[in-house]
Amino acid sequence: MGRTGTSKLDWVHAGQQLLIEGGITAVKLHDLTARLELSSGSFYHHFKNFDDYLTALADYYGTEEAQQLFTDAQRHVGNDPELLLREATTLFGSRAGRQLNIAMRFWANNDNRASAAIRRYDEVLTANLMGIFVQLGFDEMEAKSRTLIMLSIASLDIDPTLLNMELKDLWRFIRDNMLLPQARAIDSAVNNSA
């Protein structure tokens, strides 16, 4: 166990992986130190106790996670709203964002700090998505509807085999349809049903 230079964020990311893999009951000091190949002394260098760590885990999700997604997407593709949405959803998928989102929501059922983090996360995601849809020319109700659909899909815990389709493919299809102006979406739906 000789790694040095591990940051507080490294501990948070390790906890997020454990949370995804087994829920909050899987987030234990022993498993964190094993994952990072560090001693508990390194853990206590960053956190007063395990409760302090769980607070940091929730706080990072609520204050940094969603905004970082859009910041990184913007750094890659700029401010074009369509490219920004495409890149943000790609990054969300590549970072196991949906799995973390679902795991956080399960934790939030029994923990106030996780519940508060979910509210803050949703506020940031909503503001960013609404901004994108408004920039794309959708009116307020259309932008809110599209935002709600995107948020719902990102939080839905469903077995993709029920749909006989890869969830990422379905997600991309829905995202692409959310980008279509209303008239084009209606025309597309009519043409596909014919």
N, C-alpha and C. Protein backbone atom coordinates (compact mmCIF):
# COMPACT_ATOMS: atom_id res chain seq x y z
N MET A 1 0.83 -1.19 0.00
CA MET A 1 0.00 0.00 0.00
C MET A 1 0.86 1.24 0.00
N GLY A 2 1.47 1.57 -1.08
CA GLY A 2 2.40 2.66 -1.03
C GLY A 2 2.05 3.86 -1.87
N ARG A 3 0.86 3.96 -2.41
CA ARG A 3 0.53 5.12 -3.26
C ARG A 3 0.45 6.38 -2.44
N THR A 4 0.98 7.45 -3.01
CA THR A 4 0.88 8.74 -2.34
C THR A 4 0.20 9.72 -3.27
N GLY A 5 -0.13 10.88 -2.75
CA GLY A 5 -0.71 11.92 -3.57
C GLY A 5 -2.19 11.73 -3.86
N THR A 6 -2.84 10.85 -3.14
CA THR A 6 -4.27 10.64 -3.35
C THR A 6 -5.04 11.81 -2.76
N SER A 7 -5.94 12.34 -3.55
CA SER A 7 -6.70 13.52 -3.12
C SER A 7 -8.03 13.11 -2.49
N LYS A 8 -8.67 14.09 -1.92
CA LYS A 8 -10.01 13.90 -1.37
C LYS A 8 -10.95 13.43 -2.48
N LEU A 9 -10.79 13.99 -3.67
CA LEU A 9 -11.62 13.61 -4.81
C LEU A 9 -11.41 12.15 -5.21
N ASP A 10 -10.20 11.65 -5.09
CA ASP A 10 -9.95 10.23 -5.38
C ASP A 10 -10.78 9.34 -4.44
N TRP A 11 -10.86 9.75 -3.18
CA TRP A 11 -11.66 8.98 -2.21
C TRP A 11 -13.15 9.06 -2.58
N VAL A 12 -13.59 10.22 -3.01
CA VAL A 12 -15.00 10.39 -3.40
C VAL A 12 -15.31 9.52 -4.62
N HIS A 13 -14.42 9.54 -5.61
CA HIS A 13 -14.65 8.73 -6.81
C HIS A 13 -14.66 7.24 -6.50
N ALA A 14 -13.78 6.83 -5.60
CA ALA A 14 -13.78 5.41 -5.19
C ALA A 14 -15.09 5.06 -4.50
N GLY A 15 -15.60 5.96 -3.67
CA GLY A 15 -16.88 5.74 -3.02
C GLY A 15 -18.02 5.69 -4.01
N GLN A 16 -17.96 6.52 -5.04
CA GLN A 16 -19.00 6.48 -6.07
C GLN A 16 -19.02 5.12 -6.77
N GLN A 17 -17.86 4.58 -7.06
CA GLN A 17 -17.81 3.27 -7.70
C GLN A 17 -18.40 2.19 -6.81
N LEU A 18 -18.07 2.23 -5.52
CA LEU A 18 -18.65 1.26 -4.59
C LEU A 18 -20.15 1.44 -4.47
N LEU A 19 -20.61 2.69 -4.48
CA LEU A 19 -22.04 2.99 -4.42
C LEU A 19 -22.75 2.40 -5.63
N ILE A 20 -22.17 2.55 -6.80
CA ILE A 20 -22.75 1.99 -8.02
C ILE A 20 -22.80 0.47 -7.94
N GLU A 21 -21.73 -0.13 -7.47
CA GLU A 21 -21.61 -1.59 -7.46
C GLU A 21 -22.50 -2.26 -6.42
N GLY A 22 -22.71 -1.61 -5.27
CA GLY A 22 -23.44 -2.32 -4.22
C GLY A 22 -24.32 -1.48 -3.33
N GLY A 23 -24.54 -0.23 -3.70
CA GLY A 23 -25.35 0.63 -2.86
C GLY A 23 -24.55 1.18 -1.69
N ILE A 24 -25.20 1.96 -0.87
CA ILE A 24 -24.50 2.64 0.22
C ILE A 24 -23.92 1.66 1.24
N THR A 25 -24.52 0.49 1.38
CA THR A 25 -23.97 -0.49 2.33
C THR A 25 -22.62 -1.04 1.86
N ALA A 26 -22.30 -0.88 0.60
CA ALA A 26 -21.01 -1.34 0.07
C ALA A 26 -19.90 -0.31 0.29
N VAL A 27 -20.28 0.89 0.68
CA VAL A 27 -19.28 1.95 0.89
C VAL A 27 -18.77 1.83 2.33
N LYS A 28 -17.66 1.15 2.45
CA LYS A 28 -17.04 0.90 3.76
C LYS A 28 -15.57 1.30 3.70
N LEU A 29 -15.03 1.69 4.84
CA LEU A 29 -13.64 2.14 4.89
C LEU A 29 -12.69 1.06 4.37
N HIS A 30 -12.89 -0.16 4.78
CA HIS A 30 -12.01 -1.25 4.33
C HIS A 30 -12.01 -1.38 2.80
N ASP A 31 -13.19 -1.30 2.21
CA ASP A 31 -13.30 -1.44 0.76
C ASP A 31 -12.71 -0.22 0.03
N LEU A 32 -12.86 0.94 0.62
CA LEU A 32 -12.27 2.15 0.04
C LEU A 32 -10.74 2.06 0.04
N THR A 33 -10.18 1.68 1.19
CA THR A 33 -8.72 1.59 1.27
C THR A 33 -8.20 0.49 0.34
N ALA A 34 -8.92 -0.61 0.23
CA ALA A 34 -8.50 -1.69 -0.68
C ALA A 34 -8.55 -1.22 -2.14
N ARG A 35 -9.59 -0.51 -2.48
CA ARG A 35 -9.75 -0.03 -3.87
C ARG A 35 -8.62 0.94 -4.24
N LEU A 36 -8.27 1.81 -3.31
CA LEU A 36 -7.22 2.81 -3.59
C LEU A 36 -5.82 2.32 -3.22
N GLU A 37 -5.77 1.14 -2.62
CA GLU A 37 -4.49 0.57 -2.17
C GLU A 37 -3.76 1.53 -1.24
N LEU A 38 -4.51 2.02 -0.26
CA LEU A 38 -3.99 2.96 0.72
C LEU A 38 -4.38 2.53 2.12
N SER A 39 -3.71 3.11 3.10
CA SER A 39 -4.04 2.81 4.49
C SER A 39 -5.16 3.72 4.97
N SER A 40 -5.72 3.36 6.09
CA SER A 40 -6.78 4.20 6.67
C SER A 40 -6.21 5.54 7.14
N GLY A 41 -4.91 5.60 7.37
CA GLY A 41 -4.28 6.87 7.75
C GLY A 41 -4.45 7.92 6.66
N SER A 42 -4.36 7.48 5.41
CA SER A 42 -4.56 8.40 4.29
C SER A 42 -6.00 8.90 4.26
N PHE A 43 -6.93 8.00 4.58
CA PHE A 43 -8.34 8.38 4.64
C PHE A 43 -8.52 9.47 5.69
N TYR A 44 -7.97 9.27 6.88
CA TYR A 44 -8.16 10.22 7.97
C TYR A 44 -7.35 11.51 7.78
N HIS A 45 -6.45 11.51 6.82
CA HIS A 45 -5.78 12.75 6.46
C HIS A 45 -6.79 13.71 5.80
N HIS A 46 -7.78 13.15 5.10
CA HIS A 46 -8.76 13.96 4.38
C HIS A 46 -10.10 14.12 5.10
N PHE A 47 -10.45 13.15 5.94
CA PHE A 47 -11.78 13.14 6.58
C PHE A 47 -11.65 12.92 8.07
N LYS A 48 -12.49 13.65 8.84
CA LYS A 48 -12.46 13.51 10.31
C LYS A 48 -12.89 12.12 10.74
N ASN A 49 -13.94 11.62 10.09
CA ASN A 49 -14.50 10.32 10.42
C ASN A 49 -15.31 9.83 9.21
N PHE A 50 -15.93 8.67 9.32
CA PHE A 50 -16.64 8.13 8.17
C PHE A 50 -17.90 8.94 7.86
N ASP A 51 -18.53 9.49 8.86
CA ASP A 51 -19.69 10.33 8.63
C ASP A 51 -19.31 11.56 7.83
N ASP A 52 -18.16 12.14 8.14
CA ASP A 52 -17.64 13.28 7.38
C ASP A 52 -17.41 12.87 5.92
N TYR A 53 -16.92 11.67 5.71
CA TYR A 53 -16.71 11.17 4.35
C TYR A 53 -18.04 11.04 3.60
N LEU A 54 -19.05 10.46 4.24
CA LEU A 54 -20.35 10.30 3.58
C LEU A 54 -20.95 11.66 3.22
N THR A 55 -20.75 12.65 4.07
CA THR A 55 -21.20 14.00 3.77
C THR A 55 -20.48 14.53 2.54
N ALA A 56 -19.16 14.32 2.47
CA ALA A 56 -18.39 14.76 1.31
C ALA A 56 -18.84 14.04 0.04
N LEU A 57 -19.15 12.76 0.16
CA LEU A 57 -19.62 11.97 -0.98
C LEU A 57 -20.93 12.55 -1.52
N ALA A 58 -21.85 12.85 -0.63
CA ALA A 58 -23.13 13.43 -1.04
C ALA A 58 -22.94 14.85 -1.56
N ASP A 59 -22.14 15.65 -0.87
CA ASP A 59 -21.94 17.05 -1.27
C ASP A 59 -21.32 17.15 -2.65
N TYR A 60 -20.35 16.32 -2.95
CA TYR A 60 -19.71 16.38 -4.26
C TYR A 60 -20.75 16.11 -5.35
N TYR A 61 -21.57 15.12 -5.12
CA TYR A 61 -22.61 14.80 -6.11
C TYR A 61 -23.55 15.98 -6.30
N GLY A 62 -23.94 16.59 -5.22
CA GLY A 62 -24.91 17.67 -5.28
C GLY A 62 -24.36 19.00 -5.78
N THR A 63 -23.07 19.24 -5.58
CA THR A 63 -22.53 20.54 -5.95
C THR A 63 -21.62 20.50 -7.16
N GLU A 64 -21.00 19.37 -7.46
CA GLU A 64 -20.00 19.32 -8.52
C GLU A 64 -20.38 18.42 -9.70
N GLU A 65 -21.00 17.31 -9.42
CA GLU A 65 -21.18 16.25 -10.43
C GLU A 65 -21.91 16.74 -11.69
N ALA A 66 -23.08 17.31 -11.55
CA ALA A 66 -23.87 17.72 -12.72
C ALA A 66 -23.20 18.88 -13.45
N GLN A 67 -22.71 19.86 -12.71
CA GLN A 67 -22.10 21.01 -13.38
C GLN A 67 -20.83 20.60 -14.11
N GLN A 68 -20.07 19.68 -13.54
CA GLN A 68 -18.84 19.22 -14.18
C GLN A 68 -19.14 18.57 -15.53
N LEU A 69 -20.25 17.86 -15.60
CA LEU A 69 -20.68 17.23 -16.84
C LEU A 69 -20.83 18.27 -17.96
N PHE A 70 -21.51 19.36 -17.67
CA PHE A 70 -21.74 20.39 -18.68
C PHE A 70 -20.48 21.23 -18.93
N THR A 71 -19.68 21.43 -17.90
CA THR A 71 -18.42 22.16 -18.07
C THR A 71 -17.50 21.38 -19.00
N ASP A 72 -17.38 20.09 -18.77
CA ASP A 72 -16.53 19.25 -19.62
C ASP A 72 -17.07 19.18 -21.05
N ALA A 73 -18.39 19.06 -21.19
CA ALA A 73 -18.99 19.01 -22.52
C ALA A 73 -18.72 20.31 -23.26
N GLN A 74 -18.87 21.42 -22.57
CA GLN A 74 -18.64 22.73 -23.20
C GLN A 74 -17.17 22.89 -23.59
N ARG A 75 -16.27 22.40 -22.78
CA ARG A 75 -14.85 22.47 -23.10
C ARG A 75 -14.54 21.68 -24.37
N HIS A 76 -15.26 20.57 -24.58
CA HIS A 76 -15.02 19.73 -25.77
C HIS A 76 -15.65 20.28 -27.04
N VAL A 77 -16.87 20.84 -26.94
CA VAL A 77 -17.60 21.20 -28.17
C VAL A 77 -18.01 22.67 -28.25
N GLY A 78 -17.78 23.44 -27.23
CA GLY A 78 -18.17 24.84 -27.28
C GLY A 78 -19.60 25.06 -26.82
N ASN A 79 -20.21 26.14 -27.31
CA ASN A 79 -21.52 26.56 -26.81
C ASN A 79 -22.69 26.19 -27.70
N ASP A 80 -22.46 25.55 -28.83
CA ASP A 80 -23.57 25.16 -29.69
C ASP A 80 -24.49 24.23 -28.89
N PRO A 81 -25.78 24.60 -28.71
CA PRO A 81 -26.65 23.83 -27.81
C PRO A 81 -26.86 22.38 -28.24
N GLU A 82 -26.98 22.12 -29.52
CA GLU A 82 -27.18 20.74 -29.96
C GLU A 82 -25.93 19.90 -29.69
N LEU A 83 -24.77 20.43 -30.05
CA LEU A 83 -23.52 19.70 -29.79
C LEU A 83 -23.29 19.53 -28.29
N LEU A 84 -23.66 20.55 -27.54
CA LEU A 84 -23.49 20.50 -26.08
C LEU A 84 -24.34 19.39 -25.47
N LEU A 85 -25.59 19.28 -25.90
CA LEU A 85 -26.45 18.22 -25.38
C LEU A 85 -25.93 16.84 -25.79
N ARG A 86 -25.52 16.71 -27.04
CA ARG A 86 -24.98 15.42 -27.49
C ARG A 86 -23.74 15.03 -26.69
N GLU A 87 -22.85 15.97 -26.48
CA GLU A 87 -21.61 15.68 -25.75
C GLU A 87 -21.90 15.39 -24.27
N ALA A 88 -22.79 16.16 -23.66
CA ALA A 88 -23.13 15.93 -22.25
C ALA A 88 -23.73 14.54 -22.06
N THR A 89 -24.60 14.12 -22.96
CA THR A 89 -25.20 12.79 -22.81
C THR A 89 -24.16 11.70 -23.07
N THR A 90 -23.23 11.95 -23.98
CA THR A 90 -22.16 10.97 -24.21
C THR A 90 -21.28 10.85 -22.98
N LEU A 91 -20.90 11.98 -22.40
CA LEU A 91 -20.09 11.95 -21.18
C LEU A 91 -20.84 11.29 -20.02
N PHE A 92 -22.13 11.59 -19.91
CA PHE A 92 -22.96 11.00 -18.86
C PHE A 92 -22.91 9.47 -18.95
N GLY A 93 -23.02 8.95 -20.16
CA GLY A 93 -22.97 7.51 -20.37
C GLY A 93 -21.59 6.93 -20.11
N SER A 94 -20.56 7.62 -20.55
CA SER A 94 -19.20 7.09 -20.40
C SER A 94 -18.73 7.12 -18.95
N ARG A 95 -19.32 7.96 -18.15
CA ARG A 95 -18.93 8.09 -16.73
C ARG A 95 -19.85 7.30 -15.80
N ALA A 96 -20.66 6.45 -16.36
CA ALA A 96 -21.63 5.69 -15.56
C ALA A 96 -22.54 6.63 -14.78
N GLY A 97 -22.87 7.77 -15.39
CA GLY A 97 -23.70 8.77 -14.73
C GLY A 97 -25.07 8.26 -14.36
N ARG A 98 -25.68 7.49 -15.24
CA ARG A 98 -27.02 6.97 -14.95
C ARG A 98 -26.99 6.02 -13.76
N GLN A 99 -26.00 5.13 -13.72
CA GLN A 99 -25.89 4.18 -12.61
C GLN A 99 -25.64 4.91 -11.29
N LEU A 100 -24.79 5.94 -11.33
CA LEU A 100 -24.55 6.72 -10.11
C LEU A 100 -25.81 7.48 -9.70
N ASN A 101 -26.51 8.04 -10.66
CA ASN A 101 -27.75 8.76 -10.39
C ASN A 101 -28.76 7.84 -9.68
N ILE A 102 -28.92 6.64 -10.19
CA ILE A 102 -29.86 5.68 -9.59
C ILE A 102 -29.39 5.28 -8.19
N ALA A 103 -28.09 5.00 -8.05
CA ALA A 103 -27.56 4.61 -6.73
C ALA A 103 -27.73 5.73 -5.71
N MET A 104 -27.49 6.96 -6.13
CA MET A 104 -27.68 8.10 -5.23
C MET A 104 -29.13 8.23 -4.81
N ARG A 105 -30.05 8.00 -5.73
CA ARG A 105 -31.47 8.10 -5.41
C ARG A 105 -31.91 7.01 -4.42
N PHE A 106 -31.35 5.82 -4.55
CA PHE A 106 -31.66 4.78 -3.56
C PHE A 106 -31.13 5.18 -2.19
N TRP A 107 -29.91 5.70 -2.16
CA TRP A 107 -29.33 6.16 -0.89
C TRP A 107 -30.19 7.28 -0.30
N ALA A 108 -30.69 8.17 -1.16
CA ALA A 108 -31.48 9.32 -0.70
C ALA A 108 -32.78 8.91 -0.02
N ASN A 109 -33.24 7.70 -0.27
CA ASN A 109 -34.45 7.22 0.40
C ASN A 109 -34.27 7.12 1.91
N ASN A 110 -33.02 6.99 2.37
CA ASN A 110 -32.76 6.78 3.80
C ASN A 110 -31.78 7.77 4.39
N ASP A 111 -31.41 8.80 3.65
CA ASP A 111 -30.38 9.70 4.16
C ASP A 111 -30.67 11.13 3.69
N ASN A 112 -30.81 12.03 4.64
CA ASN A 112 -31.16 13.42 4.31
C ASN A 112 -30.08 14.13 3.51
N ARG A 113 -28.80 13.84 3.79
CA ARG A 113 -27.75 14.54 3.04
C ARG A 113 -27.73 14.08 1.58
N ALA A 114 -28.02 12.80 1.34
CA ALA A 114 -28.12 12.30 -0.04
C ALA A 114 -29.35 12.89 -0.72
N SER A 115 -30.43 13.01 0.01
CA SER A 115 -31.66 13.59 -0.53
C SER A 115 -31.43 15.06 -0.93
N ALA A 116 -30.74 15.81 -0.08
CA ALA A 116 -30.43 17.21 -0.39
C ALA A 116 -29.50 17.29 -1.60
N ALA A 117 -28.57 16.36 -1.69
CA ALA A 117 -27.65 16.34 -2.84
C ALA A 117 -28.40 16.08 -4.14
N ILE A 118 -29.38 15.18 -4.10
CA ILE A 118 -30.19 14.89 -5.29
C ILE A 118 -30.95 16.15 -5.73
N ARG A 119 -31.51 16.87 -4.78
CA ARG A 119 -32.24 18.11 -5.13
C ARG A 119 -31.31 19.11 -5.81
N ARG A 120 -30.11 19.29 -5.26
CA ARG A 120 -29.16 20.23 -5.85
C ARG A 120 -28.72 19.75 -7.24
N TYR A 121 -28.46 18.46 -7.37
CA TYR A 121 -28.06 17.87 -8.65
C TYR A 121 -29.15 18.10 -9.70
N ASP A 122 -30.39 17.82 -9.32
CA ASP A 122 -31.51 18.00 -10.25
C ASP A 122 -31.69 19.46 -10.65
N GLU A 123 -31.46 20.38 -9.70
CA GLU A 123 -31.57 21.80 -10.02
C GLU A 123 -30.54 22.21 -11.08
N VAL A 124 -29.31 21.74 -10.93
CA VAL A 124 -28.26 22.07 -11.90
C VAL A 124 -28.56 21.43 -13.25
N LEU A 125 -28.94 20.16 -13.24
CA LEU A 125 -29.26 19.48 -14.49
C LEU A 125 -30.44 20.16 -15.18
N THR A 126 -31.47 20.50 -14.42
CA THR A 126 -32.65 21.15 -14.99
C THR A 126 -32.28 22.49 -15.61
N ALA A 127 -31.52 23.30 -14.89
CA ALA A 127 -31.15 24.61 -15.42
C ALA A 127 -30.35 24.48 -16.72
N ASN A 128 -29.41 23.54 -16.76
CA ASN A 128 -28.60 23.36 -17.96
C ASN A 128 -29.43 22.84 -19.12
N LEU A 129 -30.26 21.84 -18.87
CA LEU A 129 -31.08 21.29 -19.95
C LEU A 129 -32.10 22.31 -20.45
N MET A 130 -32.75 23.01 -19.53
CA MET A 130 -33.70 24.06 -19.94
C MET A 130 -33.02 25.10 -20.80
N GLY A 131 -31.84 25.51 -20.39
CA GLY A 131 -31.08 26.50 -21.16
C GLY A 131 -30.78 26.01 -22.57
N ILE A 132 -30.41 24.75 -22.69
CA ILE A 132 -30.11 24.18 -24.01
C ILE A 132 -31.37 24.18 -24.88
N PHE A 133 -32.48 23.69 -24.34
CA PHE A 133 -33.69 23.61 -25.14
C PHE A 133 -34.23 24.99 -25.51
N VAL A 134 -34.11 25.96 -24.63
CA VAL A 134 -34.53 27.32 -24.95
C VAL A 134 -33.64 27.88 -26.06
N GLN A 135 -32.32 27.65 -25.97
CA GLN A 135 -31.41 28.11 -27.02
C GLN A 135 -31.72 27.46 -28.36
N LEU A 136 -32.26 26.26 -28.32
CA LEU A 136 -32.62 25.57 -29.55
C LEU A 136 -33.94 26.09 -30.14
N GLY A 137 -34.60 26.99 -29.42
CA GLY A 137 -35.79 27.63 -29.95
C GLY A 137 -37.11 27.06 -29.45
N PHE A 138 -37.07 26.18 -28.47
CA PHE A 138 -38.31 25.65 -27.92
C PHE A 138 -38.92 26.66 -26.96
N ASP A 139 -40.26 26.71 -26.93
CA ASP A 139 -40.91 27.59 -25.97
C ASP A 139 -40.77 26.97 -24.57
N GLU A 140 -41.20 27.69 -23.57
CA GLU A 140 -40.98 27.27 -22.18
C GLU A 140 -41.59 25.89 -21.89
N MET A 141 -42.83 25.65 -22.33
CA MET A 141 -43.47 24.36 -22.06
C MET A 141 -42.75 23.22 -22.79
N GLU A 142 -42.34 23.44 -24.03
CA GLU A 142 -41.61 22.42 -24.77
C GLU A 142 -40.27 22.13 -24.11
N ALA A 143 -39.59 23.19 -23.68
CA ALA A 143 -38.29 23.03 -23.03
C ALA A 143 -38.44 22.27 -21.71
N LYS A 144 -39.48 22.61 -20.93
CA LYS A 144 -39.71 21.91 -19.66
C LYS A 144 -40.06 20.45 -19.90
N SER A 145 -40.87 20.17 -20.91
CA SER A 145 -41.26 18.79 -21.21
C SER A 145 -40.05 17.96 -21.61
N ARG A 146 -39.21 18.52 -22.47
CA ARG A 146 -38.02 17.80 -22.92
C ARG A 146 -37.05 17.59 -21.75
N THR A 147 -36.93 18.59 -20.92
CA THR A 147 -36.06 18.47 -19.74
C THR A 147 -36.56 17.36 -18.82
N LEU A 148 -37.86 17.32 -18.58
CA LEU A 148 -38.44 16.29 -17.72
C LEU A 148 -38.19 14.89 -18.29
N ILE A 149 -38.35 14.73 -19.58
CA ILE A 149 -38.10 13.43 -20.20
C ILE A 149 -36.64 13.03 -20.04
N MET A 150 -35.72 13.95 -20.29
CA MET A 150 -34.30 13.65 -20.16
C MET A 150 -33.94 13.30 -18.71
N LEU A 151 -34.47 14.06 -17.76
CA LEU A 151 -34.21 13.78 -16.35
C LEU A 151 -34.76 12.41 -15.95
N SER A 152 -35.94 12.10 -16.43
CA SER A 152 -36.59 10.83 -16.09
C SER A 152 -35.78 9.64 -16.60
N ILE A 153 -35.35 9.73 -17.83
CA ILE A 153 -34.58 8.63 -18.41
C ILE A 153 -33.26 8.45 -17.66
N ALA A 154 -32.65 9.55 -17.26
CA ALA A 154 -31.38 9.48 -16.54
C ALA A 154 -31.53 8.85 -15.17
N SER A 155 -32.75 8.83 -14.64
CA SER A 155 -32.99 8.34 -13.28
C SER A 155 -33.76 7.03 -13.22
N LEU A 156 -34.18 6.54 -14.36
CA LEU A 156 -35.04 5.38 -14.41
C LEU A 156 -34.24 4.10 -14.25
N ASP A 157 -34.63 3.28 -13.32
CA ASP A 157 -34.00 1.98 -13.11
C ASP A 157 -34.85 0.92 -13.78
N ILE A 158 -34.48 0.57 -15.01
CA ILE A 158 -35.27 -0.38 -15.79
C ILE A 158 -34.34 -1.42 -16.40
N ASP A 159 -34.84 -2.61 -16.52
CA ASP A 159 -34.11 -3.69 -17.17
C ASP A 159 -34.24 -3.49 -18.68
N PRO A 160 -33.14 -3.19 -19.38
CA PRO A 160 -33.23 -2.90 -20.81
C PRO A 160 -33.70 -4.09 -21.65
N THR A 161 -33.60 -5.30 -21.11
CA THR A 161 -34.07 -6.46 -21.88
C THR A 161 -35.58 -6.44 -22.04
N LEU A 162 -36.27 -5.69 -21.17
CA LEU A 162 -37.72 -5.56 -21.33
C LEU A 162 -38.08 -4.91 -22.66
N LEU A 163 -37.20 -4.05 -23.14
CA LEU A 163 -37.45 -3.33 -24.38
C LEU A 163 -36.79 -4.01 -25.58
N ASN A 164 -36.05 -5.09 -25.31
CA ASN A 164 -35.35 -5.82 -26.37
C ASN A 164 -34.46 -4.86 -27.17
N MET A 165 -33.76 -3.99 -26.44
CA MET A 165 -32.93 -2.98 -27.07
C MET A 165 -31.88 -2.52 -26.06
N GLU A 166 -30.71 -2.20 -26.54
CA GLU A 166 -29.70 -1.62 -25.67
C GLU A 166 -30.19 -0.27 -25.17
N LEU A 167 -30.07 -0.04 -23.88
CA LEU A 167 -30.55 1.21 -23.29
C LEU A 167 -29.82 2.42 -23.88
N LYS A 168 -28.52 2.28 -24.14
CA LYS A 168 -27.78 3.43 -24.70
C LYS A 168 -28.30 3.79 -26.08
N ASP A 169 -28.72 2.80 -26.87
CA ASP A 169 -29.28 3.10 -28.19
C ASP A 169 -30.63 3.80 -28.06
N LEU A 170 -31.44 3.32 -27.13
CA LEU A 170 -32.73 3.96 -26.88
C LEU A 170 -32.54 5.38 -26.38
N TRP A 171 -31.59 5.56 -25.48
CA TRP A 171 -31.28 6.89 -24.93
C TRP A 171 -30.89 7.85 -26.05
N ARG A 172 -30.01 7.40 -26.95
CA ARG A 172 -29.58 8.27 -28.06
C ARG A 172 -30.75 8.62 -28.98
N PHE A 173 -31.62 7.64 -29.25
CA PHE A 173 -32.78 7.87 -30.10
C PHE A 173 -33.69 8.93 -29.48
N ILE A 174 -33.95 8.78 -28.18
CA ILE A 174 -34.82 9.73 -27.49
C ILE A 174 -34.16 11.10 -27.45
N ARG A 175 -32.87 11.15 -27.13
CA ARG A 175 -32.16 12.42 -27.11
C ARG A 175 -32.24 13.12 -28.47
N ASP A 176 -32.01 12.37 -29.53
CA ASP A 176 -32.05 12.95 -30.87
C ASP A 176 -33.44 13.47 -31.20
N ASN A 177 -34.47 12.78 -30.76
CA ASN A 177 -35.84 13.25 -30.99
C ASN A 177 -36.16 14.47 -30.13
N MET A 178 -35.53 14.58 -28.97
CA MET A 178 -35.73 15.76 -28.13
C MET A 178 -35.15 16.99 -28.79
N LEU A 179 -34.18 16.81 -29.69
CA LEU A 179 -33.55 17.92 -30.39
C LEU A 179 -34.38 18.42 -31.57
N LEU A 180 -35.31 17.58 -32.04
CA LEU A 180 -36.10 17.97 -33.20
C LEU A 180 -37.11 19.04 -32.84
N PRO A 181 -37.26 20.04 -33.71
CA PRO A 181 -38.35 21.00 -33.48
C PRO A 181 -39.69 20.26 -33.52
N GLN A 182 -40.68 20.83 -32.88
CA GLN A 182 -41.98 20.16 -32.73
C GLN A 182 -42.56 19.71 -34.06
N ALA A 183 -42.57 20.56 -35.07
CA ALA A 183 -43.16 20.19 -36.36
C ALA A 183 -42.43 19.02 -36.99
N ARG A 184 -41.11 19.02 -36.90
CA ARG A 184 -40.34 17.90 -37.46
C ARG A 184 -40.58 16.63 -36.67
N ALA A 185 -40.74 16.74 -35.35
CA ALA A 185 -41.00 15.57 -34.52
C ALA A 185 -42.35 14.95 -34.88
N ILE A 186 -43.35 15.81 -35.11
CA ILE A 186 -44.68 15.30 -35.48
C ILE A 186 -44.61 14.66 -36.86
N ASP A 187 -43.94 15.32 -37.84
CA ASP A 187 -43.80 14.74 -39.17
C ASP A 187 -43.08 13.40 -39.11
N SER A 188 -42.03 13.32 -38.29
CA SER A 188 -41.28 12.08 -38.16
C SER A 188 -42.14 10.98 -37.59
N ALA A 189 -42.95 11.30 -36.58
CA ALA A 189 -43.82 10.31 -35.96
C ALA A 189 -44.87 9.83 -36.97
N VAL A 190 -45.42 10.75 -37.76
CA VAL A 190 -46.43 10.39 -38.77
C VAL A 190 -45.80 9.50 -39.84
N ASN A 191 -44.61 9.87 -40.30
CA ASN A 191 -43.94 9.09 -41.34
C ASN A 191 -43.55 7.70 -40.84
N ASN A 192 -43.14 7.60 -39.58
CA ASN A 192 -42.75 6.30 -39.02
C ASN A 192 -43.96 5.40 -38.80
N SER A 193 -45.14 5.96 -38.59
CA SER A 193 -46.31 5.14 -38.35
C SER A 193 -46.97 4.70 -39.65
N ALA A 194 -46.62 5.35 -40.75
CA ALA A 194 -47.22 5.01 -42.05
C ALA A 194 -46.62 3.76 -42.66
